[in-house]
Amino acid sequence: MKQGEEYLQQKQWEQAKQAFLRVVDIKQDYAPAYRGIGLSARGQAFEQLGKPEHKFDRHLLEEAIEELSRAFRLGDYTPETVWALHWSLRNVSNIDGIIEILKRYAENAPNLEQEFLARHYIVDEYSLIREHEEAVRWHKDLLEKMQNKVSPEKLLSSLSDATMLRSWKECGLLSEWTLLSNGLYSKLEDTYDTCVYRANYLRALMEAVYVPAGRFEEALETCDKLKAIVEKYAEQWVEARWFLADIRGGLLSIYHSTECKDLEEQIVIDGKQYLLDYENWITESSISSIKSEEVYKDPLSGKEEVSSLFDLHWQYYIFSIHDFACMCMWTGHYKDAVELFEKALAIGDNAETHFFLAGSILKATGDVEKSLDHFRQAIENPFFSRRHELKLAFLEEATFKDVWDNERFISLIEIEEQKEVQQVKNQ
């Protein structure tokens, strides 16, 4: 086992797998060995991504799922096994499988933090497959069970999740969501340690509650509160510039909804200039020469990761481009969206960016082949988190309606989705 663990640390996947297989030959029901085999297979599968000479091997991912599932069935409830299995199942869009695993894990988690995460992601998965009533039921259950066990910040972070918030909205329970979340928000002190939780909540309140309901004055007031938090802690908060870009996206949504055309056009120009200034700040200021490391703490899980300060700023810059491009797309500024999505992809490959770019190209230029090139790159990437939501893009928003009869498009989507498209066409 020790040798296998050492190989895993060194990312020598095949050697690790062989070492763990030797353990299984001796001790057939030893869960940690199956975990090792599963992690090795997963490592092999994803190592191929980004290498032009290799295509992603789904069989290796399925092997990882089989071995990690075996370890889990044998009682291996370690976070390493559970979350590797969770994301592997997500990569193949087996949401029902994830829910089953997480429900069992929630009852057997090694600590409160892990129980909270399990319950949070149960809600997340139900929301993703649009079982909104189940999502809300489990979310309320999470709040009741964990209210005195985890911090108000974490509970607020869970409620501020955009995917889960959609389920409350679809169930007509936004008033109840607002009451619950505002109660948690009011408990947080104005400190640096709480700024990310407060900022995420205000962003969710503005974008998902006030703007869709036409409560634009409240949306603008919330936008001002968000900006005040960000600017107060900007010097010590790595995510600050990302939020400042996001605020511009929120203003774009407000101006578009209120038909303030001049302000809408100006905020698009301002947003693109801000992103250019953001890039120049990273590359030209002293930040580009800083080699020190920064500890990033995930606001939900509390997991800490160490990255260089430069890498973190660059990562949030890419997020900023993608998010503002999405807002341009949703408000009908398709040419600007295409420009920004292409810029984001020039920096780093991302399946979601390919997907949104594919739809924006169809709207902006009608270039079917270029659109489908990006569409293919999105759906063939196992990290494409929206794979299970393709029906929404095909049917409810009709993003790809112009290519429903295109043979290449039909060959790229799943059989079930082909049937759905055909049914809509026949209506």
Protein backbone atom coordinates (compact mmCIF):
# COMPACT_ATOMS: atom_id res chain seq x y z
CA MET A 1 0.00 0.00 0.00
CA LYS A 2 2.75 2.42 0.93
CA GLN A 3 4.42 1.99 -2.45
CA GLY A 4 1.10 2.57 -4.23
CA GLU A 5 0.46 5.74 -2.22
CA GLU A 6 3.92 7.04 -3.12
CA TYR A 7 3.28 6.41 -6.80
CA LEU A 8 -0.07 8.26 -6.49
CA GLN A 9 1.68 11.27 -4.99
CA GLN A 10 4.12 11.23 -7.91
CA LYS A 11 1.26 10.85 -10.42
CA GLN A 12 2.76 7.64 -11.76
CA TRP A 13 -0.68 6.22 -12.36
CA GLU A 14 0.08 2.84 -13.93
CA GLN A 15 2.74 1.95 -11.35
CA ALA A 16 0.33 2.95 -8.59
CA LYS A 17 -2.44 0.83 -10.06
CA GLN A 18 -0.21 -2.23 -10.28
CA ALA A 19 0.91 -1.79 -6.67
CA PHE A 20 -2.69 -1.62 -5.44
CA LEU A 21 -3.66 -4.64 -7.57
CA ARG A 22 -0.96 -6.64 -5.78
CA VAL A 23 -2.59 -5.69 -2.47
CA VAL A 24 -5.99 -6.86 -3.75
CA ASP A 25 -4.47 -10.21 -4.74
CA ILE A 26 -3.57 -10.72 -1.09
CA LYS A 27 -6.52 -9.05 0.60
CA GLN A 28 -9.58 -9.06 -1.67
CA ASP A 29 -11.92 -6.98 0.50
CA TYR A 30 -9.48 -4.22 1.40
CA ALA A 31 -11.31 -0.98 0.55
CA PRO A 32 -8.26 1.37 0.53
CA ALA A 33 -6.68 -0.72 -2.24
CA TYR A 34 -9.76 -0.34 -4.44
CA ARG A 35 -9.72 3.38 -3.71
CA GLY A 36 -6.11 3.45 -4.90
CA ILE A 37 -6.98 1.59 -8.11
CA GLY A 38 -9.87 4.00 -8.74
CA LEU A 39 -7.79 7.10 -8.14
CA SER A 40 -5.07 5.73 -10.42
CA ALA A 41 -7.55 5.06 -13.23
CA ARG A 42 -9.06 8.53 -12.82
CA GLY A 43 -5.59 10.05 -12.94
CA GLN A 44 -4.83 8.15 -16.15
CA ALA A 45 -8.11 9.26 -17.73
CA PHE A 46 -7.66 12.96 -17.09
CA GLU A 47 -3.94 13.03 -17.77
CA GLN A 48 -4.80 12.67 -21.45
CA LEU A 49 -6.82 15.88 -21.57
CA GLY A 50 -4.84 18.70 -23.09
CA LYS A 51 -2.65 16.34 -25.08
CA PRO A 52 -3.53 16.61 -28.78
CA GLU A 53 -2.23 13.12 -29.52
CA HIS A 54 -4.60 11.53 -27.02
CA LYS A 55 -8.37 11.51 -26.78
CA PHE A 56 -10.10 11.24 -23.44
CA ASP A 57 -10.57 7.57 -22.51
CA ARG A 58 -14.04 7.10 -21.07
CA HIS A 59 -13.29 3.44 -20.30
CA LEU A 60 -10.65 4.51 -17.78
CA LEU A 61 -13.15 6.83 -16.14
CA GLU A 62 -15.70 4.01 -15.95
CA GLU A 63 -12.99 1.81 -14.40
CA ALA A 64 -12.38 4.55 -11.82
CA ILE A 65 -16.10 4.70 -10.99
CA GLU A 66 -16.30 0.90 -10.63
CA GLU A 67 -13.31 0.69 -8.28
CA LEU A 68 -14.21 3.75 -6.20
CA SER A 69 -17.78 2.44 -5.90
CA ARG A 70 -16.43 -0.88 -4.68
CA ALA A 71 -14.34 0.87 -2.05
CA PHE A 72 -17.39 2.86 -0.96
CA ARG A 73 -19.55 -0.28 -0.72
CA LEU A 74 -16.85 -1.85 1.46
CA GLY A 75 -17.22 1.02 3.92
CA ASP A 76 -14.61 3.48 2.72
CA TYR A 77 -16.27 6.78 3.64
CA THR A 78 -13.12 8.88 3.40
CA PRO A 79 -13.59 12.29 1.72
CA GLU A 80 -10.95 11.37 -0.87
CA THR A 81 -13.01 8.39 -2.08
CA VAL A 82 -16.40 10.08 -1.92
CA TRP A 83 -15.50 13.27 -3.77
CA ALA A 84 -13.44 11.49 -6.43
CA LEU A 85 -16.47 9.25 -7.01
CA HIS A 86 -18.82 12.25 -6.96
CA TRP A 87 -16.93 14.15 -9.67
CA SER A 88 -16.35 11.00 -11.73
CA LEU A 89 -20.10 10.34 -11.78
CA ARG A 90 -20.68 13.99 -12.66
CA ASN A 91 -18.25 13.60 -15.58
CA VAL A 92 -20.51 10.88 -17.05
CA SER A 93 -23.73 12.72 -16.07
CA ASN A 94 -24.88 10.05 -13.61
CA ILE A 95 -26.70 12.45 -11.31
CA ASP A 96 -28.94 9.77 -9.78
CA GLY A 97 -25.82 7.82 -8.84
CA ILE A 98 -24.33 10.88 -7.15
CA ILE A 99 -27.48 11.47 -5.11
CA GLU A 100 -27.52 7.87 -3.92
CA ILE A 101 -23.86 8.04 -2.84
CA LEU A 102 -24.24 11.40 -1.08
CA LYS A 103 -27.33 10.36 0.87
CA ARG A 104 -25.43 7.41 2.26
CA TYR A 105 -22.37 9.55 2.93
CA ALA A 106 -24.43 12.16 4.79
CA GLU A 107 -25.33 9.48 7.33
CA ASN A 108 -21.75 8.18 7.62
CA ALA A 109 -19.62 11.31 7.16
CA PRO A 110 -16.53 11.46 9.39
CA ASN A 111 -17.31 14.97 10.68
CA LEU A 112 -19.86 17.79 10.56
CA GLU A 113 -18.07 19.63 7.76
CA GLN A 114 -18.33 16.60 5.49
CA GLU A 115 -21.96 15.98 6.45
CA PHE A 116 -22.75 19.58 5.55
CA LEU A 117 -21.01 19.26 2.17
CA ALA A 118 -22.84 16.01 1.41
CA ARG A 119 -26.23 17.56 2.17
CA HIS A 120 -25.33 20.71 0.23
CA TYR A 121 -24.46 18.75 -2.89
CA ILE A 122 -27.59 16.59 -2.63
CA VAL A 123 -29.53 19.84 -3.02
CA ASP A 124 -27.21 20.88 -5.85
CA GLU A 125 -27.74 17.66 -7.80
CA TYR A 126 -31.54 17.77 -7.44
CA SER A 127 -31.45 21.37 -8.68
CA LEU A 128 -29.29 20.44 -11.65
CA ILE A 129 -31.77 17.82 -12.85
CA ARG A 130 -34.63 20.24 -12.13
CA GLU A 131 -36.30 18.24 -9.42
CA HIS A 132 -36.98 21.52 -7.69
CA GLU A 133 -39.37 20.37 -4.99
CA GLU A 134 -36.90 17.72 -3.81
CA ALA A 135 -34.11 20.27 -3.94
CA VAL A 136 -35.99 22.71 -1.71
CA ARG A 137 -37.09 19.93 0.66
CA TRP A 138 -33.48 18.80 1.13
CA HIS A 139 -32.29 22.40 1.43
CA LYS A 140 -34.75 23.10 4.23
CA ASP A 141 -33.68 19.84 5.88
CA LEU A 142 -30.03 20.94 5.65
CA LEU A 143 -30.81 24.28 7.29
CA GLU A 144 -32.75 22.61 10.09
CA LYS A 145 -30.17 19.89 10.79
CA MET A 146 -27.06 22.06 10.49
CA GLN A 147 -28.21 25.44 11.86
CA ASN A 148 -26.46 25.01 15.21
CA LYS A 149 -23.62 22.87 13.90
CA VAL A 150 -21.94 24.98 11.22
CA SER A 151 -21.37 28.71 10.95
CA PRO A 152 -23.99 31.16 9.60
CA GLU A 153 -21.47 32.01 6.86
CA LYS A 154 -21.57 28.49 5.45
CA LEU A 155 -25.34 28.26 5.61
CA LEU A 156 -25.59 31.59 3.80
CA SER A 157 -23.08 30.37 1.22
CA SER A 158 -25.29 27.37 0.52
CA LEU A 159 -28.40 29.53 0.18
CA SER A 160 -26.54 31.94 -2.13
CA ASP A 161 -25.77 29.21 -4.66
CA ALA A 162 -27.34 30.27 -7.97
CA THR A 163 -28.33 26.75 -9.02
CA MET A 164 -30.12 26.02 -5.76
CA LEU A 165 -31.73 29.44 -5.63
CA ARG A 166 -33.36 28.62 -8.97
CA SER A 167 -35.23 25.75 -7.27
CA TRP A 168 -36.67 28.07 -4.60
CA LYS A 169 -37.74 30.40 -7.39
CA GLU A 170 -39.36 27.63 -9.45
CA CYS A 171 -41.30 26.52 -6.35
CA GLY A 172 -42.57 30.06 -5.76
CA LEU A 173 -40.67 30.34 -2.48
CA LEU A 174 -38.43 33.35 -3.07
CA SER A 175 -40.02 35.22 -0.16
CA GLU A 176 -39.16 32.38 2.20
CA TRP A 177 -35.64 32.16 0.74
CA THR A 178 -35.18 35.92 1.26
CA LEU A 179 -36.37 35.70 4.86
CA LEU A 180 -34.03 32.81 5.67
CA SER A 181 -31.00 34.23 3.89
CA ASN A 182 -31.45 37.75 5.22
CA GLY A 183 -31.63 36.34 8.75
CA LEU A 184 -28.25 34.67 8.25
CA TYR A 185 -26.80 37.74 6.52
CA SER A 186 -27.75 39.95 9.46
CA LYS A 187 -25.67 37.76 11.78
CA LEU A 188 -22.44 38.43 9.92
CA GLU A 189 -20.12 41.14 11.13
CA ASP A 190 -18.45 43.56 8.73
CA THR A 191 -15.02 41.92 8.64
CA TYR A 192 -12.61 40.72 5.98
CA ASP A 193 -13.33 37.09 6.96
CA THR A 194 -17.02 37.48 6.07
CA CYS A 195 -16.72 39.72 3.00
CA VAL A 196 -16.88 36.91 0.43
CA TYR A 197 -20.04 35.43 2.01
CA ARG A 198 -21.75 38.80 2.17
CA ALA A 199 -20.73 39.69 -1.37
CA ASN A 200 -21.98 36.39 -2.81
CA TYR A 201 -25.31 36.84 -1.03
CA LEU A 202 -25.82 40.40 -2.28
CA ARG A 203 -24.94 39.33 -5.82
CA ALA A 204 -27.50 36.50 -5.65
CA LEU A 205 -30.12 38.86 -4.21
CA MET A 206 -29.55 41.40 -6.97
CA GLU A 207 -29.30 39.05 -9.95
CA ALA A 208 -31.78 36.31 -9.03
CA VAL A 209 -34.40 38.11 -6.94
CA TYR A 210 -34.62 41.85 -7.55
CA VAL A 211 -33.85 42.13 -11.29
CA PRO A 212 -36.18 39.31 -12.47
CA ALA A 213 -38.97 40.73 -10.28
CA GLY A 214 -38.54 44.19 -11.77
CA ARG A 215 -37.46 45.63 -8.40
CA PHE A 216 -34.78 47.76 -10.02
CA GLU A 217 -34.36 50.41 -7.32
CA GLU A 218 -33.64 47.67 -4.79
CA ALA A 219 -31.31 46.02 -7.30
CA LEU A 220 -29.32 49.25 -7.69
CA GLU A 221 -29.19 49.76 -3.92
CA THR A 222 -27.91 46.21 -3.49
CA CYS A 223 -25.37 46.79 -6.22
CA ASP A 224 -24.09 49.82 -4.27
CA LYS A 225 -23.84 47.76 -1.06
CA LEU A 226 -21.90 45.08 -2.93
CA LYS A 227 -19.54 47.64 -4.40
CA ALA A 228 -18.93 49.15 -0.96
CA ILE A 229 -17.92 45.75 0.47
CA VAL A 230 -15.61 45.00 -2.43
CA GLU A 231 -13.90 48.38 -2.40
CA LYS A 232 -13.42 48.30 1.36
CA TYR A 233 -11.40 45.09 1.24
CA ALA A 234 -10.01 45.34 -2.30
CA GLU A 235 -6.36 45.66 -1.28
CA GLN A 236 -6.32 42.35 0.63
CA TRP A 237 -9.00 40.41 -1.26
CA VAL A 238 -7.87 38.54 -4.37
CA GLU A 239 -11.42 38.12 -5.72
CA ALA A 240 -12.20 41.85 -5.47
CA ARG A 241 -11.51 42.72 -9.11
CA TRP A 242 -13.64 39.77 -10.24
CA PHE A 243 -16.55 41.14 -8.22
CA LEU A 244 -16.03 44.62 -9.67
CA ALA A 245 -16.35 43.11 -13.14
CA ASP A 246 -19.44 41.21 -12.00
CA ILE A 247 -21.01 44.43 -10.71
CA ARG A 248 -20.74 45.83 -14.22
CA GLY A 249 -22.51 42.72 -15.48
CA GLY A 250 -25.28 43.30 -12.97
CA LEU A 251 -25.67 46.90 -14.09
CA LEU A 252 -25.84 45.74 -17.70
CA SER A 253 -28.73 43.44 -16.77
CA ILE A 254 -30.53 46.26 -14.96
CA TYR A 255 -30.09 48.79 -17.77
CA HIS A 256 -31.18 46.23 -20.36
CA SER A 257 -34.30 45.32 -18.37
CA THR A 258 -35.25 48.99 -17.86
CA GLU A 259 -34.57 49.80 -21.54
CA CYS A 260 -31.99 52.46 -20.68
CA LYS A 261 -30.29 52.05 -24.04
CA ASP A 262 -27.62 54.72 -23.63
CA LEU A 263 -26.59 53.42 -20.21
CA GLU A 264 -26.69 49.86 -21.52
CA GLU A 265 -24.35 50.62 -24.41
CA GLN A 266 -22.04 52.60 -22.13
CA ILE A 267 -21.75 49.82 -19.54
CA VAL A 268 -20.77 47.34 -22.28
CA ILE A 269 -17.99 49.70 -23.34
CA ASP A 270 -17.03 50.33 -19.71
CA GLY A 271 -17.01 46.64 -18.90
CA LYS A 272 -14.73 45.75 -21.80
CA GLN A 273 -12.38 48.60 -20.89
CA TYR A 274 -12.35 47.46 -17.26
CA LEU A 275 -11.32 43.96 -18.36
CA LEU A 276 -8.52 45.43 -20.46
CA ASP A 277 -7.36 47.52 -17.50
CA TYR A 278 -7.58 44.41 -15.28
CA GLU A 279 -5.30 42.51 -17.64
CA ASN A 280 -2.83 45.40 -17.85
CA TRP A 281 -2.78 45.66 -14.06
CA ILE A 282 -1.83 41.99 -13.74
CA THR A 283 0.83 41.99 -16.43
CA GLU A 284 2.36 45.42 -15.87
CA SER A 285 2.16 45.97 -12.12
CA SER A 286 4.39 44.45 -9.49
CA ILE A 287 1.94 41.55 -9.12
CA SER A 288 3.52 39.84 -12.14
CA SER A 289 6.84 39.60 -10.33
CA ILE A 290 5.46 38.41 -7.01
CA LYS A 291 6.47 34.81 -6.43
CA SER A 292 4.91 34.50 -2.98
CA GLU A 293 2.14 32.01 -2.38
CA GLU A 294 -1.38 32.79 -1.28
CA VAL A 295 -3.65 30.46 0.67
CA TYR A 296 -7.08 30.29 -0.97
CA LYS A 297 -9.88 29.01 1.27
CA ASP A 298 -13.02 27.70 -0.38
CA PRO A 299 -15.94 29.53 1.29
CA LEU A 300 -18.17 26.44 1.27
CA SER A 301 -15.88 23.52 2.10
CA GLY A 302 -13.22 25.45 3.97
CA LYS A 303 -10.59 23.53 2.03
CA GLU A 304 -7.35 25.45 1.66
CA GLU A 305 -5.21 25.45 -1.47
CA VAL A 306 -1.90 27.18 -1.97
CA SER A 307 -1.33 29.03 -5.24
CA SER A 308 0.90 31.84 -6.37
CA LEU A 309 -0.67 35.25 -6.03
CA PHE A 310 -0.12 35.85 -9.74
CA ASP A 311 -1.90 32.62 -10.73
CA LEU A 312 -4.89 33.44 -8.53
CA HIS A 313 -5.27 36.91 -10.04
CA TRP A 314 -4.98 35.46 -13.55
CA GLN A 315 -7.62 32.84 -12.75
CA TYR A 316 -10.08 35.45 -11.52
CA TYR A 317 -9.36 37.58 -14.56
CA ILE A 318 -10.46 34.68 -16.80
CA PHE A 319 -13.61 34.26 -14.66
CA SER A 320 -14.30 37.97 -15.12
CA ILE A 321 -14.08 37.75 -18.91
CA HIS A 322 -16.32 34.69 -19.06
CA ASP A 323 -18.96 36.11 -16.71
CA PHE A 324 -19.18 39.50 -18.41
CA ALA A 325 -19.35 37.74 -21.79
CA CYS A 326 -22.30 35.70 -20.49
CA MET A 327 -24.09 38.87 -19.44
CA CYS A 328 -23.45 40.39 -22.88
CA MET A 329 -24.90 37.24 -24.44
CA TRP A 330 -27.99 37.23 -22.21
CA THR A 331 -28.70 40.89 -22.98
CA GLY A 332 -28.36 40.41 -26.74
CA HIS A 333 -24.87 41.85 -27.26
CA TYR A 334 -23.77 38.79 -29.19
CA LYS A 335 -20.81 40.27 -31.07
CA ASP A 336 -19.33 41.56 -27.83
CA ALA A 337 -19.96 38.16 -26.25
CA VAL A 338 -18.16 36.38 -29.09
CA GLU A 339 -15.18 38.71 -28.77
CA LEU A 340 -14.91 38.11 -25.02
CA PHE A 341 -15.49 34.35 -25.12
CA GLU A 342 -12.78 34.03 -27.76
CA LYS A 343 -10.43 36.07 -25.59
CA ALA A 344 -11.10 33.80 -22.62
CA LEU A 345 -10.41 30.70 -24.70
CA ALA A 346 -7.16 32.19 -25.99
CA ILE A 347 -5.99 32.23 -22.38
CA GLY A 348 -7.28 28.84 -21.28
CA ASP A 349 -9.55 26.08 -22.57
CA ASN A 350 -12.95 25.75 -20.89
CA ALA A 351 -15.92 23.62 -21.92
CA GLU A 352 -18.58 26.07 -20.74
CA THR A 353 -16.92 28.89 -22.68
CA HIS A 354 -16.95 26.78 -25.85
CA PHE A 355 -20.64 26.05 -25.30
CA PHE A 356 -21.71 29.66 -24.80
CA LEU A 357 -19.49 30.79 -27.65
CA ALA A 358 -21.17 28.27 -29.94
CA GLY A 359 -24.60 29.76 -29.24
CA SER A 360 -23.33 33.36 -29.45
CA ILE A 361 -21.74 32.74 -32.86
CA LEU A 362 -25.05 31.48 -34.24
CA LYS A 363 -26.78 34.63 -33.03
CA ALA A 364 -24.00 37.04 -34.04
CA THR A 365 -22.86 35.74 -37.43
CA GLY A 366 -24.82 32.60 -38.28
CA ASP A 367 -21.54 30.72 -38.93
CA VAL A 368 -22.84 27.17 -38.40
CA GLU A 369 -19.57 25.31 -38.88
CA LYS A 370 -17.62 27.53 -36.51
CA SER A 371 -20.43 27.29 -33.97
CA LEU A 372 -20.52 23.50 -34.13
CA ASP A 373 -16.75 23.30 -33.80
CA HIS A 374 -17.05 24.93 -30.40
CA PHE A 375 -20.21 22.96 -29.55
CA ARG A 376 -18.31 19.71 -30.18
CA GLN A 377 -15.40 20.80 -27.99
CA ALA A 378 -17.85 21.52 -25.18
CA ILE A 379 -19.82 18.29 -25.17
CA GLU A 380 -16.79 16.02 -25.72
CA ASN A 381 -15.09 17.45 -22.63
CA PRO A 382 -15.88 15.38 -19.51
CA PHE A 383 -15.50 18.52 -17.38
CA PHE A 384 -18.53 20.07 -19.13
CA SER A 385 -20.76 20.60 -16.10
CA ARG A 386 -23.81 21.62 -18.15
CA ARG A 387 -24.02 18.35 -20.06
CA HIS A 388 -27.15 17.32 -18.18
CA GLU A 389 -28.76 20.70 -18.97
CA LEU A 390 -28.45 20.51 -22.73
CA LYS A 391 -32.19 20.06 -23.08
CA LEU A 392 -32.63 23.61 -21.79
CA ALA A 393 -30.36 25.00 -24.48
CA PHE A 394 -31.96 22.86 -27.20
CA LEU A 395 -35.59 23.40 -26.37
CA GLU A 396 -36.55 25.99 -23.77
CA GLU A 397 -34.16 28.68 -25.00
CA ALA A 398 -33.90 27.27 -28.53
CA THR A 399 -30.29 28.40 -28.68
CA PHE A 400 -29.47 25.95 -31.45
CA LYS A 401 -32.84 26.03 -33.21
CA ASP A 402 -31.21 27.20 -36.45
CA VAL A 403 -29.21 23.97 -36.70
CA TRP A 404 -31.80 21.43 -35.59
CA ASP A 405 -31.81 19.97 -39.10
CA ASN A 406 -28.03 20.02 -39.44
CA GLU A 407 -26.67 16.47 -39.72
CA ARG A 408 -23.47 17.36 -37.89
CA PHE A 409 -25.42 18.84 -34.98
CA ILE A 410 -27.70 15.80 -34.78
CA SER A 411 -24.68 13.47 -34.73
CA LEU A 412 -23.21 15.34 -31.75
CA ILE A 413 -26.19 15.19 -29.38
CA GLU A 414 -27.48 12.18 -27.49
CA ILE A 415 -30.28 9.96 -28.84
CA GLU A 416 -32.76 11.12 -26.18
CA GLU A 417 -32.06 14.75 -27.01
CA GLN A 418 -32.53 14.02 -30.71
CA LYS A 419 -36.01 12.70 -29.88
CA GLU A 420 -36.84 15.78 -27.83
CA VAL A 421 -35.77 18.08 -30.66
CA GLN A 422 -37.87 16.13 -33.14
CA GLN A 423 -40.93 16.34 -30.88
CA VAL A 424 -40.63 20.13 -30.59
CA LYS A 425 -40.17 20.47 -34.35
CA ASN A 426 -43.34 18.45 -34.96
CA GLN A 427 -45.49 20.59 -32.63
